[in-house]
């Protein structure tokens, strides 16, 4: 597969489809797997090779969820090729494999309260961590949205938070008064401990860099373990 084709497909996903960077990375990763299979020959994006590719995935024990995602990725690529190279639609015949639906594992209210109460917020790091976890619990926003919040996204007067989500879509999420006051207090006092470069990020590391999803995940695991509630849980829980 030529680099120019890959760049054009990436631009199509980002700017025409308005997909997020993370979603685009997933599609490109799936596409690379397909082209590794057909030895990087763009002319081999045809029904015969696509069918052989998915048969190989099934034979290798890939779960239906993984195959489902790869079908969606190749559908996107097929649509791109239909527009840019007038290739036929070969992916419309592929039905997405059904996946087993199960109820998500969640934390109890008692566990959430214990985790929050266990945080020592008498220092800037503790207050930052508690602010992040309170916002996540109260809003249900994604971790990627949480770590990219800026100062002007918190509106104390209206008691809400502005979130920029997938596809650069903006939404306002209401906050309960206690959480809003707590986060605003962190903004006015403890946040300056982290701000080394006159940044606009709401949550930062000790050296002033923007918090990342991985950073937050590690912080959450440390807080949970120290609370004694569980050894491990995820932001989705």
C-alpha atoms as a PDB file:
ATOM      1  CA  UNK A   1       0.000   0.000   0.000  1.00  0.00           C
ATOM      2  CA  UNK A   2       1.406   3.385  -0.981  1.00  0.00           C
ATOM      3  CA  UNK A   3       2.027   6.001   1.709  1.00  0.00           C
ATOM      4  CA  UNK A   4       0.021   8.548  -0.301  1.00  0.00           C
ATOM      5  CA  UNK A   5      -3.023   6.247  -0.273  1.00  0.00           C
ATOM      6  CA  UNK A   6      -2.700   5.880   3.483  1.00  0.00           C
ATOM      7  CA  UNK A   7      -2.397   9.641   3.973  1.00  0.00           C
ATOM      8  CA  UNK A   8      -5.387  10.302   1.726  1.00  0.00           C
ATOM      9  CA  UNK A   9      -7.489   7.764   3.618  1.00  0.00           C
ATOM     10  CA  UNK A  10      -6.441   9.283   6.946  1.00  0.00           C
ATOM     11  CA  UNK A  11      -7.372  12.768   5.729  1.00  0.00           C
ATOM     12  CA  UNK A  12     -10.728  11.454   4.507  1.00  0.00           C
ATOM     13  CA  UNK A  13     -11.514   9.980   7.927  1.00  0.00           C
ATOM     14  CA  UNK A  14     -10.383  13.046   9.861  1.00  0.00           C
ATOM     15  CA  UNK A  15     -11.714  15.872   7.752  1.00  0.00           C
ATOM     16  CA  UNK A  16     -14.589  14.468   5.710  1.00  0.00           C
ATOM     17  CA  UNK A  17     -15.939  11.967   8.214  1.00  0.00           C
ATOM     18  CA  UNK A  18     -14.954  14.023  11.261  1.00  0.00           C
ATOM     19  CA  UNK A  19     -13.707  10.982  13.210  1.00  0.00           C
ATOM     20  CA  UNK A  20     -11.462  11.244  16.262  1.00  0.00           C
ATOM     21  CA  UNK A  21      -7.705  10.578  16.166  1.00  0.00           C
ATOM     22  CA  UNK A  22      -8.128   7.412  18.236  1.00  0.00           C
ATOM     23  CA  UNK A  23     -10.836   6.023  15.933  1.00  0.00           C
ATOM     24  CA  UNK A  24      -8.724   6.809  12.875  1.00  0.00           C
ATOM     25  CA  UNK A  25      -5.691   5.072  14.387  1.00  0.00           C
ATOM     26  CA  UNK A  26      -7.810   1.961  14.913  1.00  0.00           C
ATOM     27  CA  UNK A  27      -9.037   1.958  11.304  1.00  0.00           C
ATOM     28  CA  UNK A  28      -5.498   2.417   9.972  1.00  0.00           C
ATOM     29  CA  UNK A  29      -4.206  -0.383  12.185  1.00  0.00           C
ATOM     30  CA  UNK A  30      -6.889  -2.741  10.877  1.00  0.00           C
ATOM     31  CA  UNK A  31      -6.174  -1.695   7.311  1.00  0.00           C
ATOM     32  CA  UNK A  32      -2.453  -2.362   7.776  1.00  0.00           C
ATOM     33  CA  UNK A  33      -3.293  -5.872   8.987  1.00  0.00           C
ATOM     34  CA  UNK A  34      -5.264  -6.519   5.805  1.00  0.00           C
ATOM     35  CA  UNK A  35      -2.514  -5.174   3.535  1.00  0.00           C
ATOM     36  CA  UNK A  36       0.110  -7.203   5.374  1.00  0.00           C
ATOM     37  CA  UNK A  37      -2.006 -10.225   4.442  1.00  0.00           C
ATOM     38  CA  UNK A  38      -2.255  -9.319   0.732  1.00  0.00           C
ATOM     39  CA  UNK A  39       1.396  -8.224   0.551  1.00  0.00           C
ATOM     40  CA  UNK A  40       0.613  -4.500   0.247  1.00  0.00           C
ATOM     41  CA  UNK A  41      -0.900  -4.747  -3.221  1.00  0.00           C
ATOM     42  CA  UNK A  42      -3.698  -2.182  -3.524  1.00  0.00           C
ATOM     43  CA  UNK A  43      -5.050  -3.971  -6.585  1.00  0.00           C
ATOM     44  CA  UNK A  44      -5.883  -6.937  -4.386  1.00  0.00           C
ATOM     45  CA  UNK A  45      -8.634  -5.136  -2.503  1.00  0.00           C
ATOM     46  CA  UNK A  46     -11.232  -7.362  -4.071  1.00  0.00           C
ATOM     47  CA  UNK A  47     -13.881  -9.822  -2.970  1.00  0.00           C
ATOM     48  CA  UNK A  48     -11.635 -12.866  -3.261  1.00  0.00           C
ATOM     49  CA  UNK A  49      -8.881 -11.494  -1.015  1.00  0.00           C
ATOM     50  CA  UNK A  50     -11.261  -9.955   1.497  1.00  0.00           C
ATOM     51  CA  UNK A  51     -13.089 -13.284   1.902  1.00  0.00           C
ATOM     52  CA  UNK A  52      -9.792 -15.151   2.285  1.00  0.00           C
ATOM     53  CA  UNK A  53      -8.653 -12.604   4.867  1.00  0.00           C
ATOM     54  CA  UNK A  54     -11.727 -13.022   7.068  1.00  0.00           C
ATOM     55  CA  UNK A  55     -11.586 -16.814   6.732  1.00  0.00           C
ATOM     56  CA  UNK A  56      -8.010 -16.661   7.983  1.00  0.00           C
ATOM     57  CA  UNK A  57      -9.052 -14.540  10.967  1.00  0.00           C
ATOM     58  CA  UNK A  58     -11.755 -17.059  11.896  1.00  0.00           C
ATOM     59  CA  UNK A  59      -9.353 -19.978  11.501  1.00  0.00           C
ATOM     60  CA  UNK A  60      -6.867 -18.200  13.763  1.00  0.00           C
ATOM     61  CA  UNK A  61      -9.471 -17.914  16.508  1.00  0.00           C
ATOM     62  CA  UNK A  62     -10.239 -14.193  16.330  1.00  0.00           C
ATOM     63  CA  UNK A  63     -13.260 -13.244  18.425  1.00  0.00           C
ATOM     64  CA  UNK A  64     -16.415 -11.950  16.738  1.00  0.00           C
ATOM     65  CA  UNK A  65     -15.842  -8.525  18.312  1.00  0.00           C
ATOM     66  CA  UNK A  66     -12.435  -8.225  16.627  1.00  0.00           C
ATOM     67  CA  UNK A  67     -13.743  -9.415  13.256  1.00  0.00           C
ATOM     68  CA  UNK A  68     -16.691  -7.030  13.577  1.00  0.00           C
ATOM     69  CA  UNK A  69     -14.313  -4.105  14.075  1.00  0.00           C
ATOM     70  CA  UNK A  70     -12.149  -5.114  11.112  1.00  0.00           C
ATOM     71  CA  UNK A  71     -15.206  -5.365   8.846  1.00  0.00           C
ATOM     72  CA  UNK A  72     -16.217  -1.841   9.864  1.00  0.00           C
ATOM     73  CA  UNK A  73     -12.668  -0.605   9.135  1.00  0.00           C
ATOM     74  CA  UNK A  74     -12.643  -2.162   5.662  1.00  0.00           C
ATOM     75  CA  UNK A  75     -16.122  -0.773   4.995  1.00  0.00           C
ATOM     76  CA  UNK A  76     -14.740   2.706   5.638  1.00  0.00           C
ATOM     77  CA  UNK A  77     -11.821   2.020   3.323  1.00  0.00           C
ATOM     78  CA  UNK A  78     -14.100   0.596   0.626  1.00  0.00           C
ATOM     79  CA  UNK A  79     -16.217   3.748   0.781  1.00  0.00           C
ATOM     80  CA  UNK A  80     -13.064   5.856   0.411  1.00  0.00           C
ATOM     81  CA  UNK A  81     -11.951   3.845  -2.623  1.00  0.00           C
ATOM     82  CA  UNK A  82     -15.424   4.129  -4.180  1.00  0.00           C
ATOM     83  CA  UNK A  83     -15.137   7.914  -4.000  1.00  0.00           C
ATOM     84  CA  UNK A  84     -11.481   8.310  -4.933  1.00  0.00           C
ATOM     85  CA  UNK A  85     -10.832   5.448  -7.384  1.00  0.00           C
ATOM     86  CA  UNK A  86     -14.332   4.410  -8.513  1.00  0.00           C
ATOM     87  CA  UNK A  87     -13.867   0.952  -7.046  1.00  0.00           C
ATOM     88  CA  UNK A  88     -17.006  -1.190  -6.614  1.00  0.00           C
ATOM     89  CA  UNK A  89     -18.695  -1.740  -3.266  1.00  0.00           C
ATOM     90  CA  UNK A  90     -17.544  -5.168  -2.148  1.00  0.00           C
ATOM     91  CA  UNK A  91     -18.177  -4.778   1.583  1.00  0.00           C
ATOM     92  CA  UNK A  92     -21.956  -4.297   1.621  1.00  0.00           C
ATOM     93  CA  UNK A  93     -22.515  -8.054   1.613  1.00  0.00           C
ATOM     94  CA  UNK A  94     -20.641  -8.552   4.872  1.00  0.00           C
ATOM     95  CA  UNK A  95     -22.976  -8.622   7.825  1.00  0.00           C
ATOM     96  CA  UNK A  96     -21.493  -7.708  11.158  1.00  0.00           C
ATOM     97  CA  UNK A  97     -21.149 -10.809  13.366  1.00  0.00           C
ATOM     98  CA  UNK A  98     -23.428 -10.740  16.376  1.00  0.00           C
ATOM     99  CA  UNK A  99     -21.750 -10.267  19.710  1.00  0.00           C
ATOM    100  CA  UNK A 100     -22.917 -11.478  23.063  1.00  0.00           C
ATOM    101  CA  UNK A 101     -24.318  -8.650  25.120  1.00  0.00           C
ATOM    102  CA  UNK A 102     -23.613  -8.685  28.806  1.00  0.00           C
ATOM    103  CA  UNK A 103     -24.311  -6.217  31.540  1.00  0.00           C
ATOM    104  CA  UNK A 104     -21.263  -4.067  32.335  1.00  0.00           C
ATOM    105  CA  UNK A 105     -19.583  -4.551  35.680  1.00  0.00           C
ATOM    106  CA  UNK A 106     -20.040  -1.445  37.797  1.00  0.00           C
ATOM    107  CA  UNK A 107     -19.074  -0.207  41.219  1.00  0.00           C
ATOM    108  CA  UNK A 108     -21.552   0.062  44.042  1.00  0.00           C
ATOM    109  CA  UNK A 109     -22.337   3.422  45.597  1.00  0.00           C
ATOM    110  CA  UNK A 110     -20.610   2.280  48.789  1.00  0.00           C
ATOM    111  CA  UNK A 111     -17.419   1.452  46.882  1.00  0.00           C
ATOM    112  CA  UNK A 112     -17.421   4.827  45.133  1.00  0.00           C
ATOM    113  CA  UNK A 113     -17.873   6.671  48.424  1.00  0.00           C
ATOM    114  CA  UNK A 114     -15.038   4.700  50.027  1.00  0.00           C
ATOM    115  CA  UNK A 115     -12.687   5.485  47.161  1.00  0.00           C
ATOM    116  CA  UNK A 116     -13.441   9.203  47.281  1.00  0.00           C
ATOM    117  CA  UNK A 117     -13.174   9.400  51.079  1.00  0.00           C
ATOM    118  CA  UNK A 118      -9.830   7.591  50.995  1.00  0.00           C
ATOM    119  CA  UNK A 119      -8.151  10.376  48.998  1.00  0.00           C
ATOM    120  CA  UNK A 120      -5.983  12.682  51.107  1.00  0.00           C
ATOM    121  CA  UNK A 121      -6.814  16.064  49.571  1.00  0.00           C
ATOM    122  CA  UNK A 122      -4.783  18.131  52.020  1.00  0.00           C
ATOM    123  CA  UNK A 123      -2.156  18.540  49.280  1.00  0.00           C
ATOM    124  CA  UNK A 124      -2.295  19.671  45.613  1.00  0.00           C
ATOM    125  CA  UNK A 125      -1.848  16.160  44.186  1.00  0.00           C
ATOM    126  CA  UNK A 126      -4.658  14.715  46.273  1.00  0.00           C
ATOM    127  CA  UNK A 127      -7.007  17.563  45.443  1.00  0.00           C
ATOM    128  CA  UNK A 128      -6.238  17.239  41.732  1.00  0.00           C
ATOM    129  CA  UNK A 129      -6.884  13.488  41.829  1.00  0.00           C
ATOM    130  CA  UNK A 130     -10.131  13.901  43.740  1.00  0.00           C
ATOM    131  CA  UNK A 131     -11.292  16.614  41.325  1.00  0.00           C
ATOM    132  CA  UNK A 132     -10.684  14.358  38.344  1.00  0.00           C
ATOM    133  CA  UNK A 133     -12.487  11.369  39.875  1.00  0.00           C
ATOM    134  CA  UNK A 134     -15.440  13.498  41.011  1.00  0.00           C
ATOM    135  CA  UNK A 135     -15.819  14.936  37.503  1.00  0.00           C
ATOM    136  CA  UNK A 136     -15.657  11.486  35.927  1.00  0.00           C
ATOM    137  CA  UNK A 137     -18.291  10.086  38.289  1.00  0.00           C
ATOM    138  CA  UNK A 138     -20.629  13.074  38.030  1.00  0.00           C
ATOM    139  CA  UNK A 139     -20.527  13.553  34.263  1.00  0.00           C
ATOM    140  CA  UNK A 140     -19.806  10.140  32.730  1.00  0.00           C
ATOM    141  CA  UNK A 141     -17.440  11.826  30.270  1.00  0.00           C
ATOM    142  CA  UNK A 142     -14.692   9.822  28.593  1.00  0.00           C
ATOM    143  CA  UNK A 143     -11.237   9.864  30.148  1.00  0.00           C
ATOM    144  CA  UNK A 144      -9.851  11.381  26.928  1.00  0.00           C
ATOM    145  CA  UNK A 145     -12.341  14.231  27.391  1.00  0.00           C
ATOM    146  CA  UNK A 146     -11.502  14.632  31.067  1.00  0.00           C
ATOM    147  CA  UNK A 147      -7.760  15.036  30.564  1.00  0.00           C
ATOM    148  CA  UNK A 148      -8.267  17.604  27.790  1.00  0.00           C
ATOM    149  CA  UNK A 149     -10.448  19.961  29.825  1.00  0.00           C
ATOM    150  CA  UNK A 150      -9.303  23.579  29.954  1.00  0.00           C
ATOM    151  CA  UNK A 151      -9.840  26.280  32.563  1.00  0.00           C
ATOM    152  CA  UNK A 152     -12.658  28.004  30.709  1.00  0.00           C
ATOM    153  CA  UNK A 153     -14.554  24.710  30.330  1.00  0.00           C
ATOM    154  CA  UNK A 154     -15.684  24.896  33.970  1.00  0.00           C
ATOM    155  CA  UNK A 155     -18.560  27.343  34.446  1.00  0.00           C
ATOM    156  CA  UNK A 156     -19.164  27.910  38.136  1.00  0.00           C
ATOM    157  CA  UNK A 157     -22.041  30.329  37.566  1.00  0.00           C
ATOM    158  CA  UNK A 158     -24.041  27.860  35.477  1.00  0.00           C
ATOM    159  CA  UNK A 159     -22.608  24.856  37.360  1.00  0.00           C
ATOM    160  CA  UNK A 160     -21.678  22.923  34.228  1.00  0.00           C
ATOM    161  CA  UNK A 161     -18.685  21.737  32.244  1.00  0.00           C
ATOM    162  CA  UNK A 162     -18.100  22.096  28.518  1.00  0.00           C
ATOM    163  CA  UNK A 163     -16.792  18.934  26.857  1.00  0.00           C
ATOM    164  CA  UNK A 164     -15.377  18.531  23.353  1.00  0.00           C
ATOM    165  CA  UNK A 165     -16.134  14.949  22.322  1.00  0.00           C
ATOM    166  CA  UNK A 166     -15.806  12.748  19.251  1.00  0.00           C
ATOM    167  CA  UNK A 167     -15.987  14.547  15.942  1.00  0.00           C
ATOM    168  CA  UNK A 168     -15.117  17.805  17.736  1.00  0.00           C
ATOM    169  CA  UNK A 169     -18.718  17.974  18.985  1.00  0.00           C
ATOM    170  CA  UNK A 170     -19.336  20.225  21.961  1.00  0.00           C
ATOM    171  CA  UNK A 171     -21.757  19.481  24.780  1.00  0.00           C
ATOM    172  CA  UNK A 172     -22.554  20.999  28.177  1.00  0.00           C
ATOM    173  CA  UNK A 173     -22.874  18.643  31.140  1.00  0.00           C
ATOM    174  CA  UNK A 174     -24.458  19.862  34.400  1.00  0.00           C
ATOM    175  CA  UNK A 175     -22.520  19.465  37.642  1.00  0.00           C
ATOM    176  CA  UNK A 176     -23.898  19.109  41.126  1.00  0.00           C
ATOM    177  CA  UNK A 177     -23.043  22.133  43.288  1.00  0.00           C
ATOM    178  CA  UNK A 178     -20.669  20.269  45.601  1.00  0.00           C
ATOM    179  CA  UNK A 179     -18.549  18.922  42.738  1.00  0.00           C
ATOM    180  CA  UNK A 180     -18.542  22.272  40.943  1.00  0.00           C
ATOM    181  CA  UNK A 181     -17.400  24.093  44.078  1.00  0.00           C
ATOM    182  CA  UNK A 182     -14.729  21.519  44.794  1.00  0.00           C
ATOM    183  CA  UNK A 183     -13.253  21.644  41.281  1.00  0.00           C
ATOM    184  CA  UNK A 184     -13.432  25.438  41.245  1.00  0.00           C
ATOM    185  CA  UNK A 185     -11.597  25.550  44.583  1.00  0.00           C
ATOM    186  CA  UNK A 186      -8.874  23.354  43.082  1.00  0.00           C
ATOM    187  CA  UNK A 187      -8.645  25.728  40.102  1.00  0.00           C
ATOM    188  CA  UNK A 188      -8.173  28.775  42.342  1.00  0.00           C
ATOM    189  CA  UNK A 189      -5.606  27.283  44.696  1.00  0.00           C
ATOM    190  CA  UNK A 190      -3.897  23.919  44.132  1.00  0.00           C
ATOM    191  CA  UNK A 191      -3.780  24.041  40.338  1.00  0.00           C
ATOM    192  CA  UNK A 192      -0.995  26.673  40.402  1.00  0.00           C
ATOM    193  CA  UNK A 193       1.270  24.025  41.951  1.00  0.00           C
ATOM    194  CA  UNK A 194       1.294  22.186  38.586  1.00  0.00           C
ATOM    195  CA  UNK A 195       1.197  25.126  36.157  1.00  0.00           C
ATOM    196  CA  UNK A 196       4.807  25.712  35.120  1.00  0.00           C
ATOM    197  CA  UNK A 197       4.179  27.237  31.690  1.00  0.00           C
ATOM    198  CA  UNK A 198       1.085  29.441  32.065  1.00  0.00           C
ATOM    199  CA  UNK A 199      -1.001  26.640  30.594  1.00  0.00           C
ATOM    200  CA  UNK A 200      -4.755  26.488  30.038  1.00  0.00           C
ATOM    201  CA  UNK A 201      -5.066  22.786  30.899  1.00  0.00           C
ATOM    202  CA  UNK A 202      -7.213  22.046  33.931  1.00  0.00           C
ATOM    203  CA  UNK A 203      -5.271  18.946  34.976  1.00  0.00           C
ATOM    204  CA  UNK A 204      -1.503  18.626  34.674  1.00  0.00           C
ATOM    205  CA  UNK A 205       1.403  16.558  35.892  1.00  0.00           C
ATOM    206  CA  UNK A 206       3.910  17.870  38.446  1.00  0.00           C
ATOM    207  CA  UNK A 207       6.166  19.183  35.641  1.00  0.00           C
ATOM    208  CA  UNK A 208       3.369  21.136  33.944  1.00  0.00           C
ATOM    209  CA  UNK A 209       2.666  18.703  31.109  1.00  0.00           C
ATOM    210  CA  UNK A 210      -0.932  17.934  30.209  1.00  0.00           C
ATOM    211  CA  UNK A 211      -2.425  14.895  31.913  1.00  0.00           C
ATOM    212  CA  UNK A 212      -2.846  11.898  29.574  1.00  0.00           C
ATOM    213  CA  UNK A 213      -5.268   8.958  29.640  1.00  0.00           C
ATOM    214  CA  UNK A 214      -2.440   6.669  30.721  1.00  0.00           C
ATOM    215  CA  UNK A 215      -1.477   9.046  33.536  1.00  0.00           C
ATOM    216  CA  UNK A 216      -5.037   9.149  34.812  1.00  0.00           C
ATOM    217  CA  UNK A 217      -5.397   5.371  34.579  1.00  0.00           C
ATOM    218  CA  UNK A 218      -2.274   4.885  36.703  1.00  0.00           C
ATOM    219  CA  UNK A 219      -3.477   7.462  39.227  1.00  0.00           C
ATOM    220  CA  UNK A 220      -6.862   5.771  39.461  1.00  0.00           C
ATOM    221  CA  UNK A 221      -5.317   2.351  40.081  1.00  0.00           C
ATOM    222  CA  UNK A 222      -3.124   3.788  42.845  1.00  0.00           C
ATOM    223  CA  UNK A 223      -6.099   5.500  44.517  1.00  0.00           C
ATOM    224  CA  UNK A 224      -8.251   2.358  44.301  1.00  0.00           C
ATOM    225  CA  UNK A 225      -5.536   0.114  45.695  1.00  0.00           C
ATOM    226  CA  UNK A 226      -4.849   2.464  48.595  1.00  0.00           C
ATOM    227  CA  UNK A 227      -8.576   2.671  49.390  1.00  0.00           C
ATOM    228  CA  UNK A 228      -8.704  -1.089  49.954  1.00  0.00           C
ATOM    229  CA  UNK A 229     -11.948  -1.361  47.939  1.00  0.00           C
ATOM    230  CA  UNK A 230     -10.546  -3.491  45.107  1.00  0.00           C
ATOM    231  CA  UNK A 231      -7.196  -4.353  43.641  1.00  0.00           C
ATOM    232  CA  UNK A 232      -8.184  -2.998  40.245  1.00  0.00           C
ATOM    233  CA  UNK A 233     -10.953  -1.311  38.308  1.00  0.00           C
ATOM    234  CA  UNK A 234     -11.307   0.652  35.106  1.00  0.00           C
ATOM    235  CA  UNK A 235     -12.723   4.133  34.424  1.00  0.00           C
ATOM    236  CA  UNK A 236     -15.618   2.503  32.531  1.00  0.00           C
ATOM    237  CA  UNK A 237     -16.667   0.661  35.695  1.00  0.00           C
END
